[in-house]
C-alpha atoms as a PDB file:
ATOM      1  CA  UNK A   1       0.000   0.000   0.000  1.00  0.00           C
ATOM      2  CA  UNK A   2       1.001   3.618  -0.537  1.00  0.00           C
ATOM      3  CA  UNK A   3       0.133   5.935   2.336  1.00  0.00           C
ATOM      4  CA  UNK A   4      -0.916   9.367   1.047  1.00  0.00           C
ATOM      5  CA  UNK A   5      -1.014  12.317   3.452  1.00  0.00           C
ATOM      6  CA  UNK A   6      -2.675  15.692   2.885  1.00  0.00           C
ATOM      7  CA  UNK A   7      -1.710  18.813   4.816  1.00  0.00           C
ATOM      8  CA  UNK A   8      -3.138  22.290   5.473  1.00  0.00           C
ATOM      9  CA  UNK A   9      -5.596  23.586   2.860  1.00  0.00           C
ATOM     10  CA  UNK A  10      -5.348  20.360   0.841  1.00  0.00           C
ATOM     11  CA  UNK A  11      -6.578  18.370   3.839  1.00  0.00           C
ATOM     12  CA  UNK A  12      -9.458  20.810   4.278  1.00  0.00           C
ATOM     13  CA  UNK A  13     -10.408  20.675   0.596  1.00  0.00           C
ATOM     14  CA  UNK A  14     -10.392  16.875   0.216  1.00  0.00           C
ATOM     15  CA  UNK A  15     -11.814  16.249   3.680  1.00  0.00           C
ATOM     16  CA  UNK A  16      -9.233  13.760   4.901  1.00  0.00           C
ATOM     17  CA  UNK A  17      -5.709  13.813   6.243  1.00  0.00           C
ATOM     18  CA  UNK A  18      -4.635  10.408   4.908  1.00  0.00           C
ATOM     19  CA  UNK A  19      -5.586   7.439   2.788  1.00  0.00           C
ATOM     20  CA  UNK A  20      -4.129   4.184   1.553  1.00  0.00           C
ATOM     21  CA  UNK A  21      -3.756   3.494  -2.167  1.00  0.00           C
ATOM     22  CA  UNK A  22      -3.199   0.015  -3.591  1.00  0.00           C
ATOM     23  CA  UNK A  23       0.227  -0.757  -5.072  1.00  0.00           C
ATOM     24  CA  UNK A  24      -1.351  -0.565  -8.542  1.00  0.00           C
ATOM     25  CA  UNK A  25      -1.230   3.227  -8.057  1.00  0.00           C
ATOM     26  CA  UNK A  26       2.579   3.162  -7.889  1.00  0.00           C
ATOM     27  CA  UNK A  27       4.400   5.329 -10.408  1.00  0.00           C
ATOM     28  CA  UNK A  28       5.732   8.851 -10.125  1.00  0.00           C
ATOM     29  CA  UNK A  29       4.450  11.629  -7.880  1.00  0.00           C
ATOM     30  CA  UNK A  30       2.890  13.190 -10.996  1.00  0.00           C
ATOM     31  CA  UNK A  31       1.202   9.896 -11.945  1.00  0.00           C
ATOM     32  CA  UNK A  32      -0.418   9.540  -8.537  1.00  0.00           C
ATOM     33  CA  UNK A  33      -1.428  13.196  -8.444  1.00  0.00           C
ATOM     34  CA  UNK A  34      -3.110  12.774 -11.852  1.00  0.00           C
ATOM     35  CA  UNK A  35      -4.974   9.637 -10.704  1.00  0.00           C
ATOM     36  CA  UNK A  36      -6.220  11.438  -7.601  1.00  0.00           C
ATOM     37  CA  UNK A  37      -7.191  14.520  -9.622  1.00  0.00           C
ATOM     38  CA  UNK A  38      -9.192  12.275 -11.987  1.00  0.00           C
ATOM     39  CA  UNK A  39     -11.604  11.580  -9.109  1.00  0.00           C
ATOM     40  CA  UNK A  40     -13.035  15.019  -9.882  1.00  0.00           C
ATOM     41  CA  UNK A  41     -14.717  17.408  -7.463  1.00  0.00           C
ATOM     42  CA  UNK A  42     -12.632  18.409  -4.449  1.00  0.00           C
ATOM     43  CA  UNK A  43      -9.743  16.234  -5.619  1.00  0.00           C
ATOM     44  CA  UNK A  44      -9.569  17.985  -8.976  1.00  0.00           C
ATOM     45  CA  UNK A  45      -9.632  21.376  -7.244  1.00  0.00           C
ATOM     46  CA  UNK A  46      -7.036  20.522  -4.594  1.00  0.00           C
ATOM     47  CA  UNK A  47      -4.591  18.881  -6.992  1.00  0.00           C
ATOM     48  CA  UNK A  48      -5.243  20.999 -10.098  1.00  0.00           C
ATOM     49  CA  UNK A  49      -2.249  21.126 -12.432  1.00  0.00           C
ATOM     50  CA  UNK A  50      -2.195  24.927 -12.221  1.00  0.00           C
ATOM     51  CA  UNK A  51      -2.082  24.896  -8.422  1.00  0.00           C
ATOM     52  CA  UNK A  52       1.331  24.789  -6.826  1.00  0.00           C
ATOM     53  CA  UNK A  53       1.453  21.693  -4.632  1.00  0.00           C
ATOM     54  CA  UNK A  54       4.618  20.339  -3.039  1.00  0.00           C
ATOM     55  CA  UNK A  55       5.259  16.671  -2.391  1.00  0.00           C
ATOM     56  CA  UNK A  56       7.493  14.530  -0.211  1.00  0.00           C
ATOM     57  CA  UNK A  57       8.194  10.827  -0.529  1.00  0.00           C
ATOM     58  CA  UNK A  58       9.242   9.146   2.696  1.00  0.00           C
ATOM     59  CA  UNK A  59       9.711  12.598   4.253  1.00  0.00           C
ATOM     60  CA  UNK A  60      12.129  13.759   1.546  1.00  0.00           C
ATOM     61  CA  UNK A  61      11.146  16.573  -0.811  1.00  0.00           C
ATOM     62  CA  UNK A  62      10.126  15.108  -4.148  1.00  0.00           C
ATOM     63  CA  UNK A  63       9.824  16.242  -7.738  1.00  0.00           C
ATOM     64  CA  UNK A  64       6.971  15.261 -10.066  1.00  0.00           C
ATOM     65  CA  UNK A  65       9.158  12.532 -11.597  1.00  0.00           C
ATOM     66  CA  UNK A  66      10.149  11.009  -8.228  1.00  0.00           C
ATOM     67  CA  UNK A  67       9.099   7.354  -8.145  1.00  0.00           C
ATOM     68  CA  UNK A  68       6.609   6.135  -5.557  1.00  0.00           C
ATOM     69  CA  UNK A  69       6.523   2.423  -4.761  1.00  0.00           C
ATOM     70  CA  UNK A  70       4.555   0.018  -2.614  1.00  0.00           C
ATOM     71  CA  UNK A  71       5.272   0.772   1.056  1.00  0.00           C
ATOM     72  CA  UNK A  72       6.140   4.440   0.470  1.00  0.00           C
ATOM     73  CA  UNK A  73       4.561   7.460   2.116  1.00  0.00           C
ATOM     74  CA  UNK A  74       3.600  10.329  -0.188  1.00  0.00           C
ATOM     75  CA  UNK A  75       2.663  13.695   1.304  1.00  0.00           C
ATOM     76  CA  UNK A  76       1.056  16.598  -0.536  1.00  0.00           C
ATOM     77  CA  UNK A  77       1.105  20.106   0.906  1.00  0.00           C
ATOM     78  CA  UNK A  78       0.828  23.715  -0.221  1.00  0.00           C
ATOM     79  CA  UNK A  79       3.905  25.935  -0.270  1.00  0.00           C
ATOM     80  CA  UNK A  80       4.467  27.671   3.023  1.00  0.00           C
ATOM     81  CA  UNK A  81       5.739  31.196   3.425  1.00  0.00           C
ATOM     82  CA  UNK A  82       6.970  32.679   6.628  1.00  0.00           C
ATOM     83  CA  UNK A  83       8.460  35.789   7.999  1.00  0.00           C
END
């Protein structure tokens, strides 16, 4: 299973902080984001291609082409600014 975590406004938009995806969803960060976005509704809004969303795989910052495999944790979160 792939554990997917959602943080901040993404969590609020999709209505959950985590879910498990079957290994068949493995691929790149971009692949998984596209599959989730294809659910439509809140998922499409939260993970829209035009929206800047950061990702981490196993608590390491990830790029869209970073592979995600069975047993990995994938986190999505909005960019954070601070002062």
